[in-house]
Protein backbone atom coordinates (compact mmCIF):
# COMPACT_ATOMS: atom_id res chain seq x y z
CA MET A 1 0.00 0.00 0.00
CA ASP A 2 1.32 3.46 -0.94
CA ASP A 3 2.42 5.30 2.24
CA ASN A 4 1.19 8.60 0.79
CA ILE A 5 -2.33 7.41 0.00
CA LEU A 6 -3.65 8.89 3.28
CA LYS A 7 -1.95 12.25 2.97
CA ASN A 8 -4.37 15.22 2.81
CA LYS A 9 -7.35 12.86 2.81
CA LYS A 10 -10.40 13.93 4.81
CA ILE A 11 -11.24 10.93 6.98
CA THR A 12 -13.98 10.27 9.53
CA ILE A 13 -13.20 7.90 12.41
CA MET A 14 -16.52 6.38 13.47
CA GLY A 15 -16.18 5.16 17.05
CA LEU A 16 -13.23 6.31 19.14
CA GLY A 17 -13.86 3.72 21.83
CA LEU A 18 -12.19 3.20 25.19
CA PHE A 19 -9.66 0.41 24.63
CA GLY A 20 -6.98 2.53 22.95
CA GLY A 21 -7.26 1.21 19.39
CA GLY A 22 -9.35 4.15 18.14
CA ALA A 23 -7.02 6.70 19.69
CA GLY A 24 -4.02 4.88 18.25
CA LEU A 25 -5.64 4.87 14.82
CA ALA A 26 -6.25 8.63 15.10
CA ARG A 27 -2.60 9.29 15.99
CA PHE A 28 -1.45 7.11 13.08
CA LEU A 29 -3.66 8.87 10.54
CA VAL A 30 -2.65 12.35 11.74
CA HIS A 31 1.02 11.44 11.42
CA ARG A 32 0.30 10.17 7.89
CA GLY A 33 -1.03 13.62 7.00
CA ALA A 34 -4.78 12.93 7.05
CA ARG A 35 -7.38 15.51 8.10
CA LEU A 36 -9.54 13.87 10.72
CA ILE A 37 -13.04 14.05 12.11
CA VAL A 38 -13.63 11.82 15.14
CA THR A 39 -17.26 10.99 15.90
CA ASP A 40 -18.75 8.81 18.62
CA LEU A 41 -22.15 8.26 20.21
CA LYS A 42 -20.50 8.57 23.62
CA THR A 43 -20.04 12.01 25.16
CA GLU A 44 -16.84 13.87 25.90
CA ALA A 45 -17.12 12.90 29.58
CA GLN A 46 -17.58 9.22 28.73
CA LEU A 47 -14.57 9.25 26.39
CA ALA A 48 -12.30 11.27 28.70
CA SER A 49 -9.69 8.52 29.09
CA SER A 50 -9.26 8.23 25.30
CA LEU A 51 -9.41 11.96 24.61
CA THR A 52 -6.55 12.75 26.99
CA THR A 53 -4.21 10.66 24.80
CA LEU A 54 -5.06 12.88 21.80
CA ASP A 55 -4.34 16.26 23.40
CA GLY A 56 -2.63 18.69 21.04
CA LEU A 57 -3.46 16.86 17.80
CA PRO A 58 -5.32 18.69 14.99
CA LEU A 59 -8.59 16.79 15.27
CA GLU A 60 -12.22 17.78 14.88
CA PHE A 61 -14.52 16.06 17.38
CA HIS A 62 -18.25 15.45 16.96
CA LEU A 63 -19.22 13.55 20.12
CA GLY A 64 -22.50 12.51 21.70
CA GLY A 65 -23.97 11.62 18.30
CA HIS A 66 -23.17 11.40 14.57
CA ARG A 67 -23.71 13.97 11.82
CA GLU A 68 -24.75 12.88 8.34
CA THR A 69 -22.30 15.28 6.69
CA ASP A 70 -19.39 13.38 8.30
CA PHE A 71 -20.32 10.39 6.16
CA LYS A 72 -20.93 12.25 2.88
CA ASP A 73 -18.31 14.93 2.37
CA VAL A 74 -15.22 12.87 3.20
CA ASP A 75 -12.72 10.68 1.37
CA MET A 76 -12.98 7.69 3.73
CA VAL A 77 -14.74 6.44 6.86
CA MET A 78 -12.71 4.36 9.33
CA VAL A 79 -15.21 2.15 11.15
CA ASN A 80 -14.76 0.79 14.67
CA PRO A 81 -15.40 -3.01 14.62
CA ALA A 82 -18.16 -2.62 17.22
CA VAL A 83 -20.32 -0.45 14.92
CA PRO A 84 -23.36 -2.45 13.71
CA LYS A 85 -23.28 -3.23 9.99
CA ASP A 86 -26.81 -1.94 9.56
CA SER A 87 -25.98 1.53 10.92
CA LYS A 88 -27.80 4.15 8.88
CA PHE A 89 -24.62 6.24 8.82
CA LEU A 90 -22.68 3.46 7.10
CA GLN A 91 -25.49 3.27 4.59
CA ILE A 92 -25.19 7.02 4.00
CA ALA A 93 -21.48 6.53 3.28
CA ARG A 94 -22.22 3.70 0.82
CA GLU A 95 -24.88 5.77 -0.97
CA ASN A 96 -22.32 8.57 -1.39
CA ASN A 97 -19.58 6.19 -2.62
CA VAL A 98 -17.40 6.88 0.43
CA PRO A 99 -15.02 3.94 1.03
CA LEU A 100 -15.34 2.15 4.38
CA GLU A 101 -12.14 0.96 6.04
CA THR A 102 -11.11 -0.57 9.40
CA GLU A 103 -7.98 -0.39 11.51
CA MET A 104 -7.31 -4.12 11.17
CA ASN A 105 -7.85 -4.21 7.40
CA LEU A 106 -5.49 -1.27 7.02
CA PHE A 107 -2.90 -3.09 9.13
CA PHE A 108 -3.15 -6.23 6.98
CA LYS A 109 -2.62 -4.12 3.85
CA MET A 110 0.44 -2.34 5.24
CA CYS A 111 2.18 -5.03 7.30
CA ARG A 112 5.34 -6.42 5.69
CA ALA A 113 5.70 -9.28 8.20
CA ALA A 114 4.00 -12.67 8.42
CA ILE A 115 0.93 -12.53 10.65
CA LEU A 116 -0.14 -15.17 13.14
CA GLY A 117 -3.83 -14.76 13.96
CA VAL A 118 -5.62 -16.20 16.99
CA THR A 119 -9.40 -16.39 17.26
CA GLY A 120 -12.03 -18.40 19.09
CA THR A 121 -14.92 -17.87 21.47
CA LYS A 122 -12.76 -18.18 24.57
CA GLY A 123 -9.04 -18.47 25.30
CA LYS A 124 -7.84 -16.29 22.44
CA SER A 125 -6.26 -13.53 24.56
CA THR A 126 -4.28 -15.94 26.73
CA THR A 127 -3.22 -17.97 23.69
CA THR A 128 -2.15 -14.81 21.85
CA ALA A 129 -0.04 -13.64 24.79
CA LEU A 130 1.48 -17.11 25.24
CA VAL A 131 2.58 -17.38 21.60
CA GLY A 132 4.12 -13.93 21.85
CA GLU A 133 6.10 -14.90 24.96
CA MET A 134 7.31 -18.17 23.42
CA LEU A 135 8.63 -16.38 20.33
CA ARG A 136 10.23 -13.64 22.44
CA CYS A 137 12.13 -16.33 24.33
CA GLN A 138 13.91 -17.06 21.05
CA GLY A 139 15.38 -13.57 21.30
CA ARG A 140 13.20 -12.30 18.44
CA ARG A 141 11.45 -8.95 18.26
CA VAL A 142 7.75 -9.85 18.43
CA TRP A 143 4.71 -7.62 17.96
CA VAL A 144 1.48 -8.53 19.78
CA GLY A 145 -1.78 -6.67 19.20
CA GLY A 146 -5.28 -6.72 17.76
CA ASN A 147 -8.28 -7.36 19.99
CA ILE A 148 -6.14 -8.26 23.01
CA GLY A 149 -6.70 -4.75 24.40
CA LEU A 150 -3.17 -3.49 25.06
CA GLY A 151 -4.25 0.14 24.81
CA TYR A 152 -2.67 1.05 21.46
CA SER A 153 -2.79 0.27 17.76
CA LEU A 154 0.01 -1.63 16.04
CA LEU A 155 -0.53 0.70 13.08
CA GLU A 156 1.40 3.29 15.09
CA ARG A 157 4.44 0.98 14.94
CA ILE A 158 3.99 -0.21 11.36
CA ASP A 159 7.25 1.37 10.13
CA GLU A 160 9.22 -0.42 12.89
CA ILE A 161 7.85 -3.88 12.09
CA GLY A 162 10.45 -5.64 9.97
CA PRO A 163 9.63 -8.34 7.40
CA ASP A 164 11.16 -11.02 9.67
CA ASP A 165 9.44 -9.89 12.88
CA PRO A 166 6.59 -12.19 14.00
CA VAL A 167 3.26 -10.38 14.41
CA VAL A 168 0.73 -12.10 16.70
CA LEU A 169 -2.83 -10.76 16.55
CA GLU A 170 -5.93 -11.62 18.52
CA LEU A 171 -8.80 -11.35 16.04
CA SER A 172 -12.44 -10.94 17.05
CA SER A 173 -15.44 -12.01 14.98
CA PHE A 174 -16.11 -8.31 14.31
CA GLN A 175 -12.61 -7.80 12.88
CA LEU A 176 -12.76 -11.02 10.87
CA GLU A 177 -16.14 -10.05 9.44
CA ASP A 178 -14.46 -7.07 7.75
CA LEU A 179 -11.34 -8.99 6.74
CA ARG A 180 -13.32 -10.90 4.15
CA LYS A 181 -13.32 -7.79 1.93
CA LEU A 182 -9.54 -8.15 1.52
CA LYS A 183 -9.64 -11.89 0.82
CA MET A 184 -6.67 -12.21 3.16
CA SER A 185 -6.05 -14.58 6.07
CA PRO A 186 -3.04 -14.87 8.42
CA HIS A 187 -0.03 -17.00 7.47
CA VAL A 188 -0.56 -19.00 10.66
CA CYS A 189 -3.87 -19.17 12.48
CA ILE A 190 -5.19 -20.74 15.68
CA VAL A 191 -8.88 -21.32 16.35
CA THR A 192 -9.22 -22.18 20.04
CA ASN A 193 -12.91 -23.21 19.99
CA VAL A 194 -16.31 -21.99 18.79
CA ALA A 195 -19.58 -21.55 20.70
CA PRO A 196 -22.52 -19.14 20.36
CA ASN A 197 -21.48 -15.54 21.08
CA HIS A 198 -22.34 -12.00 19.96
CA LEU A 199 -25.68 -13.14 18.60
CA ASP A 200 -26.98 -9.64 19.31
CA ARG A 201 -24.63 -8.51 16.51
CA HIS A 202 -24.40 -11.48 14.15
CA GLY A 203 -28.01 -12.58 14.47
CA THR A 204 -27.40 -16.35 14.27
CA TYR A 205 -24.71 -18.80 15.35
CA ALA A 206 -24.19 -19.68 11.67
CA GLU A 207 -23.40 -16.04 10.82
CA TYR A 208 -21.04 -15.82 13.79
CA MET A 209 -19.15 -18.90 12.54
CA GLU A 210 -19.04 -17.51 9.00
CA ALA A 211 -17.23 -14.46 10.36
CA LYS A 212 -14.79 -16.67 12.29
CA LYS A 213 -14.03 -18.80 9.23
CA ASN A 214 -12.44 -15.81 7.49
CA VAL A 215 -9.34 -16.46 9.60
CA ILE A 216 -8.68 -19.60 7.50
CA ARG A 217 -10.79 -19.07 4.38
CA PHE A 218 -8.13 -17.26 2.32
CA GLN A 219 -5.04 -19.16 3.46
CA ASN A 220 -2.69 -20.69 0.90
CA PRO A 221 -0.99 -24.13 0.73
CA GLY A 222 2.13 -22.68 2.37
CA ASP A 223 0.18 -21.47 5.41
CA TYR A 224 -0.65 -23.25 8.69
CA CYS A 225 -4.04 -23.76 10.32
CA ILE A 226 -4.19 -24.99 13.95
CA LEU A 227 -7.56 -26.29 15.15
CA ASN A 228 -8.98 -27.79 18.33
CA LEU A 229 -9.65 -31.50 17.75
CA ASP A 230 -11.79 -31.62 20.92
CA ASP A 231 -14.29 -29.17 19.38
CA GLN A 232 -16.80 -31.07 17.24
CA GLU A 233 -17.55 -28.06 15.05
CA LEU A 234 -13.88 -27.35 14.32
CA ARG A 235 -13.39 -30.91 13.11
CA LYS A 236 -15.38 -29.85 10.01
CA TRP A 237 -13.27 -26.78 9.26
CA PRO A 238 -10.32 -28.25 7.29
CA ARG A 239 -12.56 -28.19 4.19
CA GLU A 240 -12.61 -24.37 4.50
CA THR A 241 -8.86 -23.84 4.04
CA LYS A 242 -6.04 -24.71 1.66
CA ALA A 243 -3.47 -24.48 4.48
CA LYS A 244 -1.66 -27.37 6.18
CA VAL A 245 -3.89 -28.35 9.11
CA PHE A 246 -2.48 -29.15 12.56
CA TRP A 247 -4.52 -30.15 15.59
CA PHE A 248 -4.29 -29.82 19.36
CA SER A 249 -6.10 -32.04 21.85
CA THR A 250 -6.25 -32.53 25.61
CA ARG A 251 -7.77 -36.00 25.09
CA ASP A 252 -6.19 -37.81 22.16
CA ALA A 253 -2.72 -38.52 20.83
CA ILE A 254 -2.77 -37.16 17.29
CA LYS A 255 -0.67 -37.60 14.18
CA ARG A 256 -0.04 -33.95 13.40
CA GLY A 257 -0.09 -31.35 16.15
CA THR A 258 0.18 -31.13 19.94
CA PHE A 259 -1.37 -33.32 22.62
CA LEU A 260 -1.04 -34.09 26.32
CA GLU A 261 0.54 -37.28 27.66
CA ASN A 262 1.80 -37.96 31.21
CA GLY A 263 1.81 -34.27 32.03
CA ASN A 264 3.93 -33.38 28.99
CA VAL A 265 3.09 -31.43 25.83
CA HIS A 266 4.01 -33.58 22.82
CA MET A 267 4.45 -32.29 19.27
CA ARG A 268 4.16 -34.37 16.10
CA LEU A 269 4.66 -32.82 12.69
CA GLY A 270 3.19 -35.76 10.81
CA GLU A 271 4.44 -37.57 7.72
CA GLY A 272 7.75 -36.31 6.40
CA GLY A 273 8.55 -34.34 9.57
CA PRO A 274 10.84 -35.22 12.47
CA GLY A 275 9.62 -37.68 15.07
CA GLU A 276 7.66 -36.90 18.19
CA VAL A 277 9.09 -34.12 20.37
CA ILE A 278 8.29 -33.25 23.99
CA VAL A 279 8.02 -29.47 24.00
CA SER A 280 6.98 -28.73 27.60
CA CYS A 281 6.27 -30.15 31.04
CA LEU A 282 2.97 -28.91 32.49
CA PRO A 283 3.77 -29.21 36.23
CA ASP A 284 5.91 -26.08 35.88
CA VAL A 285 3.02 -24.01 34.50
CA LYS A 286 1.41 -21.32 36.70
CA LEU A 287 -1.85 -20.88 34.73
CA PRO A 288 -4.90 -22.18 36.66
CA GLY A 289 -7.72 -24.12 35.04
CA ALA A 290 -8.03 -27.16 32.80
CA HIS A 291 -9.14 -24.92 29.91
CA ASN A 292 -5.71 -23.28 29.92
CA VAL A 293 -4.14 -26.63 29.06
CA ALA A 294 -5.82 -26.34 25.65
CA ASN A 295 -4.50 -22.78 25.29
CA ILE A 296 -0.98 -24.03 26.08
CA LEU A 297 -1.25 -26.82 23.51
CA ALA A 298 -2.45 -24.42 20.81
CA ALA A 299 0.24 -21.83 21.57
CA SER A 300 2.98 -24.47 21.71
CA CYS A 301 1.99 -25.83 18.30
CA ALA A 302 2.05 -22.37 16.71
CA ALA A 303 5.32 -21.36 18.34
CA PHE A 304 6.98 -24.63 17.31
CA LEU A 305 5.87 -24.19 13.71
CA MET A 306 7.35 -20.67 13.80
CA GLY A 307 10.75 -21.91 15.00
CA ALA A 308 10.55 -21.98 18.79
CA ARG A 309 11.92 -25.10 20.52
CA ARG A 310 11.48 -26.78 23.90
CA GLU A 311 13.75 -24.42 25.83
CA HIS A 312 11.88 -21.36 24.52
CA ILE A 313 8.42 -22.81 25.17
CA ASP A 314 9.38 -24.05 28.65
CA LYS A 315 10.87 -20.70 29.62
CA ALA A 316 7.78 -18.83 28.48
CA LEU A 317 5.40 -21.13 30.33
CA ARG A 318 7.37 -21.06 33.59
CA GLY A 319 7.27 -17.27 33.64
CA PHE A 320 3.69 -16.74 32.45
CA SER A 321 1.07 -16.29 35.19
CA GLY A 322 -1.82 -15.09 33.01
CA LEU A 323 -3.41 -11.83 31.91
CA GLU A 324 -5.35 -9.25 33.85
CA HIS A 325 -9.07 -10.11 34.24
CA ARG A 326 -8.50 -13.74 33.22
CA LEU A 327 -8.72 -15.89 36.37
CA GLU A 328 -6.50 -13.24 37.95
CA PHE A 329 -5.70 -13.78 41.62
CA VAL A 330 -6.64 -10.62 43.51
CA CYS A 331 -5.87 -11.30 47.18
CA ASP A 332 -6.46 -13.48 50.22
CA ARG A 333 -8.69 -11.87 52.86
CA ASP A 334 -9.24 -13.76 56.09
CA GLY A 335 -8.55 -17.07 54.38
CA VAL A 336 -10.88 -16.37 51.42
CA HIS A 337 -9.30 -16.29 47.96
CA TYR A 338 -10.62 -13.69 45.50
CA TYR A 339 -10.29 -14.09 41.71
CA ASN A 340 -11.14 -11.68 38.89
CA ASP A 341 -12.38 -13.35 35.69
CA SER A 342 -14.17 -10.31 34.25
CA ILE A 343 -13.13 -11.33 30.73
CA ALA A 344 -15.67 -14.18 30.98
CA THR A 345 -18.39 -12.52 28.91
CA THR A 346 -19.93 -15.79 27.69
CA ALA A 347 -21.52 -18.73 29.47
CA GLU A 348 -18.84 -21.07 28.10
CA SER A 349 -15.92 -19.01 29.41
CA ALA A 350 -17.59 -18.63 32.82
CA ILE A 351 -18.16 -22.41 32.98
CA ALA A 352 -14.43 -22.89 32.36
CA GLY A 353 -13.76 -20.50 35.23
CA LEU A 354 -16.08 -22.40 37.57
CA ARG A 355 -14.36 -25.68 36.74
CA SER A 356 -10.93 -24.23 37.55
CA PHE A 357 -11.49 -24.31 41.32
CA LYS A 358 -12.04 -26.99 43.92
CA GLY A 359 -13.73 -26.34 47.22
CA PRO A 360 -16.57 -23.99 48.20
CA LEU A 361 -17.18 -21.30 45.58
CA VAL A 362 -19.05 -17.99 45.84
CA LEU A 363 -19.77 -16.64 42.34
CA ILE A 364 -20.62 -13.11 41.22
CA ALA A 365 -22.23 -13.18 37.77
CA GLY A 366 -24.66 -11.40 35.45
CA GLY A 367 -24.64 -8.32 33.23
CA TYR A 368 -25.65 -7.26 29.73
CA ASP A 369 -27.66 -9.78 27.70
CA LYS A 370 -26.04 -10.68 24.36
CA GLY A 371 -28.83 -13.07 23.48
CA THR A 372 -26.95 -16.30 24.26
CA PRO A 373 -28.42 -19.18 26.32
CA PHE A 374 -27.58 -19.63 30.03
CA ASP A 375 -29.05 -23.11 30.65
CA GLY A 376 -25.69 -24.90 30.73
CA PHE A 377 -24.16 -22.15 32.86
CA ALA A 378 -27.05 -22.43 35.36
CA GLU A 379 -26.52 -26.19 35.63
CA GLU A 380 -22.81 -25.69 36.31
CA CYS A 381 -23.64 -23.09 38.99
CA ALA A 382 -26.00 -25.60 40.62
CA LYS A 383 -23.22 -28.21 40.69
CA HIS A 384 -20.15 -26.16 41.62
CA THR A 385 -21.15 -23.19 43.79
CA LYS A 386 -22.40 -22.66 47.32
CA CYS A 387 -23.73 -19.18 46.54
CA VAL A 388 -24.38 -17.15 43.37
CA ILE A 389 -24.74 -13.38 43.60
CA LEU A 390 -26.35 -11.92 40.48
CA ILE A 391 -26.17 -8.39 39.06
CA GLY A 392 -27.23 -6.61 35.87
CA LYS A 393 -29.97 -7.12 33.30
CA THR A 394 -29.60 -10.90 33.15
CA ALA A 395 -29.79 -11.40 36.93
CA GLN A 396 -33.43 -12.49 37.07
CA LYS A 397 -33.15 -14.77 34.05
CA ILE A 398 -30.04 -16.54 35.34
CA GLY A 399 -31.47 -16.74 38.86
CA GLU A 400 -34.59 -18.52 37.64
CA LEU A 401 -32.54 -21.00 35.61
CA ILE A 402 -30.29 -21.80 38.58
CA ALA A 403 -33.33 -22.27 40.84
CA THR A 404 -34.73 -24.77 38.33
CA ALA A 405 -31.38 -26.55 37.95
CA LYS A 406 -30.82 -27.00 41.69
CA GLY A 407 -34.30 -28.44 42.21
CA GLY A 408 -35.14 -28.73 45.90
CA ARG A 409 -31.55 -28.56 47.15
CA ASP A 410 -30.47 -25.86 49.60
CA THR A 411 -27.42 -24.87 47.56
CA PRO A 412 -26.49 -22.80 45.81
CA GLN A 413 -27.95 -19.85 47.67
CA ILE A 414 -29.14 -17.27 45.12
CA LEU A 415 -28.76 -13.58 45.97
CA PHE A 416 -29.38 -10.43 43.93
CA ALA A 417 -27.44 -7.16 44.14
CA SER A 418 -28.16 -3.77 42.59
CA SER A 419 -24.46 -2.92 42.20
CA LEU A 420 -21.06 -4.59 42.13
CA GLU A 421 -20.26 -3.02 45.50
CA GLU A 422 -23.35 -4.62 47.03
CA ALA A 423 -22.39 -7.93 45.40
CA VAL A 424 -18.89 -7.82 46.90
CA ARG A 425 -20.30 -6.99 50.33
CA SER A 426 -22.64 -9.96 50.07
CA ALA A 427 -19.76 -12.21 48.97
CA VAL A 428 -17.70 -11.12 51.98
CA ASN A 429 -20.61 -11.84 54.30
CA VAL A 430 -21.45 -15.33 52.98
CA SER A 431 -17.89 -16.61 52.48
CA GLN A 432 -15.83 -18.47 55.06
CA ARG A 433 -12.17 -19.40 55.44
CA GLY A 434 -11.24 -21.79 52.65
CA ASP A 435 -13.83 -20.42 50.20
CA THR A 436 -13.11 -18.83 46.82
CA VAL A 437 -14.96 -15.72 45.65
CA LEU A 438 -14.96 -15.53 41.85
CA LEU A 439 -16.15 -12.74 39.55
CA SER A 440 -16.96 -14.63 36.34
CA PRO A 441 -20.02 -12.86 34.89
CA ALA A 442 -20.93 -14.98 31.83
CA CYS A 443 -22.18 -11.67 30.37
CA ALA A 444 -20.93 -8.48 28.77
CA SER A 445 -20.50 -5.43 30.99
CA TYR A 446 -22.20 -2.64 29.05
CA ASP A 447 -25.30 -2.31 31.22
CA MET A 448 -23.31 -1.21 34.29
CA PHE A 449 -19.68 -0.57 33.29
CA VAL A 450 -17.60 1.02 30.56
CA ASN A 451 -16.21 -2.40 29.58
CA PHE A 452 -15.03 -5.67 31.11
CA GLU A 453 -11.76 -4.03 32.19
CA ASP A 454 -13.64 -1.36 34.12
CA ARG A 455 -15.74 -4.09 35.77
CA GLY A 456 -12.67 -6.11 36.73
CA ARG A 457 -10.76 -3.15 38.11
CA GLN A 458 -13.75 -2.00 40.15
CA PHE A 459 -14.03 -5.52 41.56
CA LYS A 460 -10.35 -5.56 42.54
CA SER A 461 -10.61 -2.14 44.11
CA LEU A 462 -13.66 -3.17 46.14
CA VAL A 463 -12.08 -6.42 47.28
CA LYS A 464 -8.86 -4.72 48.35
CA GLY A 465 -10.67 -1.79 49.94
CA LEU A 466 -11.17 -1.62 53.68
CA ASP A 467 -14.82 -0.60 53.39
CA VAL A 468 -16.32 -3.72 51.83
CA ALA A 469 -16.90 -5.63 55.05
CA GLY A 470 -20.10 -5.04 56.99
C-alpha cells in the first residue's frame, strides 16, 4: 500500500472507543497527513480517558452523536469493529460512494511481516499472549496486538515492524467479518474453539461462525491452520482452508499437532517431519484451570511451527502467570481467595472459570444480555457453587434458571445485588475461610460498566478496599 495514500485525505473515524485502538488509529492517521473528524455516540465525559491521549493533535470532534455530513463529504470512513453493519450512517457513506475501512484491514494491507492470527470464542487472549512470549524467548522482536486490548494500535508501529518480525494478533469475529473484503487470512492461524457468542450482533450462530471462518478461508498451501480437535464443530473446518492443518487435543494422541501425555506437551509434525518431540512439562506451569491446558497446547503448536523449541516454550510457560481479568488472583482476605475473571463474557468461558477451582465457591455473575443461552451455565452453577450473587440485566433470568437446575436442594444460595459493590459486600458476608470468591459474569458489561476491564478493576478495588466488610 502506498504510504502517501492517506496524505491530505479527509477521513472520519466512526467510534473512538475506550480500549486505545481508536485513539491509536487517530494518531497514526494524523502522522500520515490525514485531516480527521472523530465521531462517537458517547459524550466527551464518557470518552475522557481516550481523549486525553489525543491532546494537542489537529482533530475535529463530533461527540454525543453522529452527523450525516461526516459520512458524505469525506474521502474515507474508518469504522470501529463494534459499529453495527446496519448503521444508517454506514449506509449514508455507501450511498455517497465513500469507502469504508477498518484499523485491522489497514494493518493487513500495510504489514510487511508474516501474521499469526488467533481467534475463538474463549481463550484467544491468553493464547495470543502465550505465543508472543514463546517467540520472544527465542530472542526475536515480536509484535502482539489486535483485539487483546493493550491500549494502542500496532498501526502506530507499522514502520518499525520488519519483514522477519513475527506479528501475533488476537482477532475478534467483528474484525474477521471485515477482513473478508480483503480476501486475506493470516499466514498461521489458531482457532481455540467456537460456541454461540455476539448473537446480538451477528443474528445467528451460523453467521457468527461464517465471520470466524475468514481467519482460515483465504489461506494458501504454504500457510498453517491450527484447530482444536476436541471441538466437534472445528473438526469440520479443514474443508474451509487450503493451508496445512495441525490439531491440538487434551484428550487424544494425534498424528499432526500437539497433545497431552503424562503431564507433557508432545508435538508431532506428521508424515515427512521429524519424530515426536516433547516441548513442555505442564507441572511447571502457573496458569490455573483445565481450559488453559488447551490454550498451552495451541500456543505451543504455533510457536513450534514458527521456529521456537522446547527451551523457549518451557521458559515462556514457567514465567507466564496469566493476563489481567482472566482468572487473575486478587488477594487473600481472612482465608478467602478472590479471583477476577471479568473477561468471561460468555456462558462457556464462565463455565471454564467455575471448573478451575475446587472447594466452596461464591460466584458473582450477570450483566448485559447478548442473546446467548444460560441453561448450561445455570446447571454448572448448581453443581459447583455454594452461593451465586447476580447483578445486571440478566440477573433475574439466570437466577430462575439456577433455581430450576438445583431443584429442591439448599445450595447454591441465590442472591441479587443492585451494584457490584453490594455484590462484593454480600460475597464477603457469605464466604468463610477456605472459600473462593470468583467474579466470572458470563455476560458483557455494558449495562453497568464502561467495559469488562472497568468491571474487573472495580471488583479488585472493592475487594482490596477496607470498606467492603459489613
